[in-house]
């Protein structure tokens, strides 16, 4: 059954059909949220909030053919809100970079341990670059789709991805130099 058909069933009163949509999009949303936020607990909270917001707004949703993109936009906005809140809160209490995480705490969910170095470097990127990389390569979106989700222009997103790759190269080289 397509997302469009499930959305229609939900709007017709079949509340249980929403569980199918959640199941269908859970893993993809988990990857996106984890890579943007950097830890499992925040990713789970962002996903729960995003799925709840999507459910509550389903009646206002117009382009039922693009449910995945619409849900991703809600999730990305929720991740942005959580990052802003986390950075504000932690900057009040800790004199450190609040947006750098302990990658070991993310191992096994859903990233595999082989990705820990990359995830660690990813978390050290500025939030806008990390978001662009995640949407482009974790969620496999086109720049046009990314622009609709983020509100940024396609050329700005291409530049963010380019800068993110350059910075990732530097960060991974640092890790490699420390390891050898």
C-alpha atoms as a PDB file:
ATOM      1  CA  UNK A   1       0.000   0.000   0.000  1.00  0.00           C
ATOM      2  CA  UNK A   2       1.370   3.415  -0.926  1.00  0.00           C
ATOM      3  CA  UNK A   3       1.926   6.282   1.496  1.00  0.00           C
ATOM      4  CA  UNK A   4      -0.877   8.137  -0.281  1.00  0.00           C
ATOM      5  CA  UNK A   5      -3.336   5.289   0.344  1.00  0.00           C
ATOM      6  CA  UNK A   6      -2.272   5.025   3.997  1.00  0.00           C
ATOM      7  CA  UNK A   7      -2.689   8.772   4.494  1.00  0.00           C
ATOM      8  CA  UNK A   8      -6.193   8.551   3.031  1.00  0.00           C
ATOM      9  CA  UNK A   9      -7.061   5.631   5.339  1.00  0.00           C
ATOM     10  CA  UNK A  10      -5.877   7.643   8.338  1.00  0.00           C
ATOM     11  CA  UNK A  11      -7.909  10.668   7.262  1.00  0.00           C
ATOM     12  CA  UNK A  12     -10.917   8.357   6.849  1.00  0.00           C
ATOM     13  CA  UNK A  13     -10.562   7.345  10.511  1.00  0.00           C
ATOM     14  CA  UNK A  14      -8.241   4.320  10.452  1.00  0.00           C
ATOM     15  CA  UNK A  15      -5.846   5.479  13.172  1.00  0.00           C
ATOM     16  CA  UNK A  16      -3.994   2.151  13.088  1.00  0.00           C
ATOM     17  CA  UNK A  17      -2.810   2.862   9.538  1.00  0.00           C
ATOM     18  CA  UNK A  18      -0.476   5.493  10.961  1.00  0.00           C
ATOM     19  CA  UNK A  19       1.566   2.722  12.599  1.00  0.00           C
ATOM     20  CA  UNK A  20       2.276   1.380   9.104  1.00  0.00           C
ATOM     21  CA  UNK A  21       3.555   4.786   7.989  1.00  0.00           C
ATOM     22  CA  UNK A  22       5.736   5.042  11.090  1.00  0.00           C
ATOM     23  CA  UNK A  23       7.134   1.547  10.518  1.00  0.00           C
ATOM     24  CA  UNK A  24       7.810   2.334   6.868  1.00  0.00           C
ATOM     25  CA  UNK A  25       9.735   5.553   7.568  1.00  0.00           C
ATOM     26  CA  UNK A  26      11.250   4.784  10.978  1.00  0.00           C
ATOM     27  CA  UNK A  27      14.684   3.530   9.896  1.00  0.00           C
ATOM     28  CA  UNK A  28      15.252   6.351   7.406  1.00  0.00           C
ATOM     29  CA  UNK A  29      14.172   8.945   9.962  1.00  0.00           C
ATOM     30  CA  UNK A  30      16.383   7.310  12.586  1.00  0.00           C
ATOM     31  CA  UNK A  31      19.428   7.612  10.324  1.00  0.00           C
ATOM     32  CA  UNK A  32      18.683  11.246   9.509  1.00  0.00           C
ATOM     33  CA  UNK A  33      17.979  12.270  13.113  1.00  0.00           C
ATOM     34  CA  UNK A  34      20.966  10.387  14.527  1.00  0.00           C
ATOM     35  CA  UNK A  35      23.384  11.883  12.059  1.00  0.00           C
ATOM     36  CA  UNK A  36      22.043  15.411  12.553  1.00  0.00           C
ATOM     37  CA  UNK A  37      21.766  15.271  16.336  1.00  0.00           C
ATOM     38  CA  UNK A  38      24.602  12.949  17.188  1.00  0.00           C
ATOM     39  CA  UNK A  39      23.099  10.767  19.887  1.00  0.00           C
ATOM     40  CA  UNK A  40      20.443   8.137  20.165  1.00  0.00           C
ATOM     41  CA  UNK A  41      18.328   9.706  22.892  1.00  0.00           C
ATOM     42  CA  UNK A  42      17.942  13.041  21.094  1.00  0.00           C
ATOM     43  CA  UNK A  43      17.317  11.260  17.787  1.00  0.00           C
ATOM     44  CA  UNK A  44      14.548   9.154  19.331  1.00  0.00           C
ATOM     45  CA  UNK A  45      12.963  12.221  20.921  1.00  0.00           C
ATOM     46  CA  UNK A  46      13.118  14.180  17.663  1.00  0.00           C
ATOM     47  CA  UNK A  47      11.569  11.265  15.773  1.00  0.00           C
ATOM     48  CA  UNK A  48       8.748  10.882  18.289  1.00  0.00           C
ATOM     49  CA  UNK A  49       8.020  14.599  18.142  1.00  0.00           C
ATOM     50  CA  UNK A  50       8.172  14.615  14.346  1.00  0.00           C
ATOM     51  CA  UNK A  51       5.846  11.618  13.982  1.00  0.00           C
ATOM     52  CA  UNK A  52       3.421  13.163  16.469  1.00  0.00           C
ATOM     53  CA  UNK A  53       3.488  16.542  14.712  1.00  0.00           C
ATOM     54  CA  UNK A  54       2.976  14.843  11.350  1.00  0.00           C
ATOM     55  CA  UNK A  55      -0.007  12.901  12.675  1.00  0.00           C
ATOM     56  CA  UNK A  56      -1.601  16.024  14.136  1.00  0.00           C
ATOM     57  CA  UNK A  57      -1.048  17.958  10.883  1.00  0.00           C
ATOM     58  CA  UNK A  58      -2.079  15.228   8.474  1.00  0.00           C
ATOM     59  CA  UNK A  59      -5.407  16.897   7.718  1.00  0.00           C
ATOM     60  CA  UNK A  60      -3.605  20.058   6.585  1.00  0.00           C
ATOM     61  CA  UNK A  61      -1.098  18.158   4.460  1.00  0.00           C
ATOM     62  CA  UNK A  62      -1.826  18.746   0.789  1.00  0.00           C
ATOM     63  CA  UNK A  63       0.747  16.953  -1.374  1.00  0.00           C
ATOM     64  CA  UNK A  64      -0.005  13.385  -0.287  1.00  0.00           C
ATOM     65  CA  UNK A  65       2.256  12.051  -3.037  1.00  0.00           C
ATOM     66  CA  UNK A  66       5.294  13.457  -1.210  1.00  0.00           C
ATOM     67  CA  UNK A  67       4.712  12.150   2.324  1.00  0.00           C
ATOM     68  CA  UNK A  68       8.372  11.144   2.859  1.00  0.00           C
ATOM     69  CA  UNK A  69       9.657  14.621   1.958  1.00  0.00           C
ATOM     70  CA  UNK A  70       6.990  16.273   4.115  1.00  0.00           C
ATOM     71  CA  UNK A  71       7.863  14.059   7.076  1.00  0.00           C
ATOM     72  CA  UNK A  72      11.574  14.715   6.555  1.00  0.00           C
ATOM     73  CA  UNK A  73      10.937  18.478   6.626  1.00  0.00           C
ATOM     74  CA  UNK A  74       9.131  18.105   9.955  1.00  0.00           C
ATOM     75  CA  UNK A  75      11.942  15.918  11.308  1.00  0.00           C
ATOM     76  CA  UNK A  76      14.704  18.293  10.171  1.00  0.00           C
ATOM     77  CA  UNK A  77      12.891  21.237  11.761  1.00  0.00           C
ATOM     78  CA  UNK A  78      12.535  19.262  14.990  1.00  0.00           C
ATOM     79  CA  UNK A  79      16.258  18.411  14.888  1.00  0.00           C
ATOM     80  CA  UNK A  80      17.105  22.091  14.360  1.00  0.00           C
ATOM     81  CA  UNK A  81      14.979  23.029  17.359  1.00  0.00           C
ATOM     82  CA  UNK A  82      16.656  20.394  19.514  1.00  0.00           C
ATOM     83  CA  UNK A  83      20.149  21.468  18.410  1.00  0.00           C
ATOM     84  CA  UNK A  84      19.391  25.081  19.204  1.00  0.00           C
ATOM     85  CA  UNK A  85      17.954  24.145  22.607  1.00  0.00           C
ATOM     86  CA  UNK A  86      20.883  21.840  23.399  1.00  0.00           C
ATOM     87  CA  UNK A  87      23.483  24.396  22.367  1.00  0.00           C
ATOM     88  CA  UNK A  88      21.776  27.150  24.403  1.00  0.00           C
ATOM     89  CA  UNK A  89      21.338  24.964  27.486  1.00  0.00           C
ATOM     90  CA  UNK A  90      24.815  23.462  27.448  1.00  0.00           C
ATOM     91  CA  UNK A  91      26.504  26.794  26.792  1.00  0.00           C
ATOM     92  CA  UNK A  92      24.996  28.024  30.059  1.00  0.00           C
ATOM     93  CA  UNK A  93      26.528  25.186  32.056  1.00  0.00           C
ATOM     94  CA  UNK A  94      29.577  23.928  30.206  1.00  0.00           C
ATOM     95  CA  UNK A  95      32.498  25.775  28.705  1.00  0.00           C
ATOM     96  CA  UNK A  96      32.840  23.372  25.785  1.00  0.00           C
ATOM     97  CA  UNK A  97      31.485  22.826  22.334  1.00  0.00           C
ATOM     98  CA  UNK A  98      27.995  21.459  23.066  1.00  0.00           C
ATOM     99  CA  UNK A  99      27.504  20.192  19.551  1.00  0.00           C
ATOM    100  CA  UNK A 100      30.372  17.680  19.663  1.00  0.00           C
ATOM    101  CA  UNK A 101      29.281  14.285  20.922  1.00  0.00           C
ATOM    102  CA  UNK A 102      30.780  11.107  22.271  1.00  0.00           C
ATOM    103  CA  UNK A 103      30.505   8.904  19.190  1.00  0.00           C
ATOM    104  CA  UNK A 104      30.914   5.709  21.219  1.00  0.00           C
ATOM    105  CA  UNK A 105      27.448   6.319  22.687  1.00  0.00           C
ATOM    106  CA  UNK A 106      25.927   6.053  19.207  1.00  0.00           C
ATOM    107  CA  UNK A 107      27.567   2.777  18.203  1.00  0.00           C
ATOM    108  CA  UNK A 108      25.092   0.129  17.137  1.00  0.00           C
ATOM    109  CA  UNK A 109      22.099   2.419  16.585  1.00  0.00           C
ATOM    110  CA  UNK A 110      21.594   2.338  13.619  1.00  0.00           C
ATOM    111  CA  UNK A 111      25.177   3.059  12.525  1.00  0.00           C
ATOM    112  CA  UNK A 112      27.677   0.256  12.675  1.00  0.00           C
ATOM    113  CA  UNK A 113      30.937   0.612  14.577  1.00  0.00           C
ATOM    114  CA  UNK A 114      32.867   0.936  11.303  1.00  0.00           C
ATOM    115  CA  UNK A 115      31.153   4.299  10.822  1.00  0.00           C
ATOM    116  CA  UNK A 116      32.129   5.735  14.220  1.00  0.00           C
ATOM    117  CA  UNK A 117      35.028   7.819  12.885  1.00  0.00           C
ATOM    118  CA  UNK A 118      32.889   9.255  10.114  1.00  0.00           C
ATOM    119  CA  UNK A 119      30.018   9.925  12.520  1.00  0.00           C
ATOM    120  CA  UNK A 120      32.421  11.636  14.916  1.00  0.00           C
ATOM    121  CA  UNK A 121      33.728  13.876  12.152  1.00  0.00           C
ATOM    122  CA  UNK A 122      30.199  14.524  10.935  1.00  0.00           C
ATOM    123  CA  UNK A 123      29.177  15.724  14.386  1.00  0.00           C
ATOM    124  CA  UNK A 124      32.018  18.246  14.375  1.00  0.00           C
ATOM    125  CA  UNK A 125      30.660  19.985  11.275  1.00  0.00           C
ATOM    126  CA  UNK A 126      28.593  23.152  11.631  1.00  0.00           C
ATOM    127  CA  UNK A 127      24.903  22.229  11.918  1.00  0.00           C
ATOM    128  CA  UNK A 128      23.941  23.569   8.468  1.00  0.00           C
ATOM    129  CA  UNK A 129      26.707  21.586   6.738  1.00  0.00           C
ATOM    130  CA  UNK A 130      25.901  18.428   8.698  1.00  0.00           C
ATOM    131  CA  UNK A 131      22.227  18.772   7.801  1.00  0.00           C
ATOM    132  CA  UNK A 132      23.055  19.218   4.095  1.00  0.00           C
ATOM    133  CA  UNK A 133      25.339  16.154   4.023  1.00  0.00           C
ATOM    134  CA  UNK A 134      22.782  14.027   5.866  1.00  0.00           C
ATOM    135  CA  UNK A 135      19.904  14.991   3.606  1.00  0.00           C
ATOM    136  CA  UNK A 136      21.955  14.568   0.439  1.00  0.00           C
ATOM    137  CA  UNK A 137      23.689  11.296   1.243  1.00  0.00           C
ATOM    138  CA  UNK A 138      21.857   9.609   4.098  1.00  0.00           C
ATOM    139  CA  UNK A 139      18.395  10.414   2.800  1.00  0.00           C
ATOM    140  CA  UNK A 140      19.546  10.495  -0.865  1.00  0.00           C
ATOM    141  CA  UNK A 141      17.616  13.652  -1.722  1.00  0.00           C
ATOM    142  CA  UNK A 142      18.182  15.859  -4.749  1.00  0.00           C
ATOM    143  CA  UNK A 143      19.224  19.461  -4.198  1.00  0.00           C
ATOM    144  CA  UNK A 144      15.760  20.526  -5.331  1.00  0.00           C
ATOM    145  CA  UNK A 145      14.140  18.342  -2.650  1.00  0.00           C
ATOM    146  CA  UNK A 146      16.630  19.578  -0.065  1.00  0.00           C
ATOM    147  CA  UNK A 147      15.750  23.181  -0.934  1.00  0.00           C
ATOM    148  CA  UNK A 148      12.056  22.497  -0.343  1.00  0.00           C
ATOM    149  CA  UNK A 149      12.809  20.877   3.021  1.00  0.00           C
ATOM    150  CA  UNK A 150      15.337  23.402   4.340  1.00  0.00           C
ATOM    151  CA  UNK A 151      14.182  26.612   2.718  1.00  0.00           C
ATOM    152  CA  UNK A 152      17.737  27.258   1.468  1.00  0.00           C
ATOM    153  CA  UNK A 153      18.573  27.767  -2.191  1.00  0.00           C
ATOM    154  CA  UNK A 154      20.045  24.951  -4.261  1.00  0.00           C
ATOM    155  CA  UNK A 155      23.326  26.794  -4.856  1.00  0.00           C
ATOM    156  CA  UNK A 156      23.683  27.461  -1.111  1.00  0.00           C
ATOM    157  CA  UNK A 157      23.080  23.776  -0.408  1.00  0.00           C
ATOM    158  CA  UNK A 158      25.655  22.716  -2.998  1.00  0.00           C
ATOM    159  CA  UNK A 159      28.180  25.040  -1.343  1.00  0.00           C
ATOM    160  CA  UNK A 160      27.341  23.630   2.106  1.00  0.00           C
ATOM    161  CA  UNK A 161      27.920  20.101   0.854  1.00  0.00           C
ATOM    162  CA  UNK A 162      31.201  21.113  -0.816  1.00  0.00           C
ATOM    163  CA  UNK A 163      32.444  22.833   2.355  1.00  0.00           C
ATOM    164  CA  UNK A 164      31.274  19.923   4.481  1.00  0.00           C
ATOM    165  CA  UNK A 165      33.250  17.450   2.369  1.00  0.00           C
ATOM    166  CA  UNK A 166      36.366  19.611   2.601  1.00  0.00           C
ATOM    167  CA  UNK A 167      36.004  19.847   6.381  1.00  0.00           C
ATOM    168  CA  UNK A 168      35.265  16.119   6.706  1.00  0.00           C
ATOM    169  CA  UNK A 169      38.458  15.368   4.782  1.00  0.00           C
ATOM    170  CA  UNK A 170      40.421  17.522   7.243  1.00  0.00           C
ATOM    171  CA  UNK A 171      38.793  15.941  10.284  1.00  0.00           C
ATOM    172  CA  UNK A 172      39.266  12.384   9.048  1.00  0.00           C
ATOM    173  CA  UNK A 173      42.879  13.144   8.199  1.00  0.00           C
ATOM    174  CA  UNK A 174      43.370  14.357  11.787  1.00  0.00           C
ATOM    175  CA  UNK A 175      41.907  11.082  13.090  1.00  0.00           C
ATOM    176  CA  UNK A 176      44.114   9.100  10.722  1.00  0.00           C
ATOM    177  CA  UNK A 177      47.233  11.047  11.788  1.00  0.00           C
ATOM    178  CA  UNK A 178      46.458  10.464  15.476  1.00  0.00           C
ATOM    179  CA  UNK A 179      45.915   6.743  14.845  1.00  0.00           C
ATOM    180  CA  UNK A 180      49.285   6.285  13.137  1.00  0.00           C
END
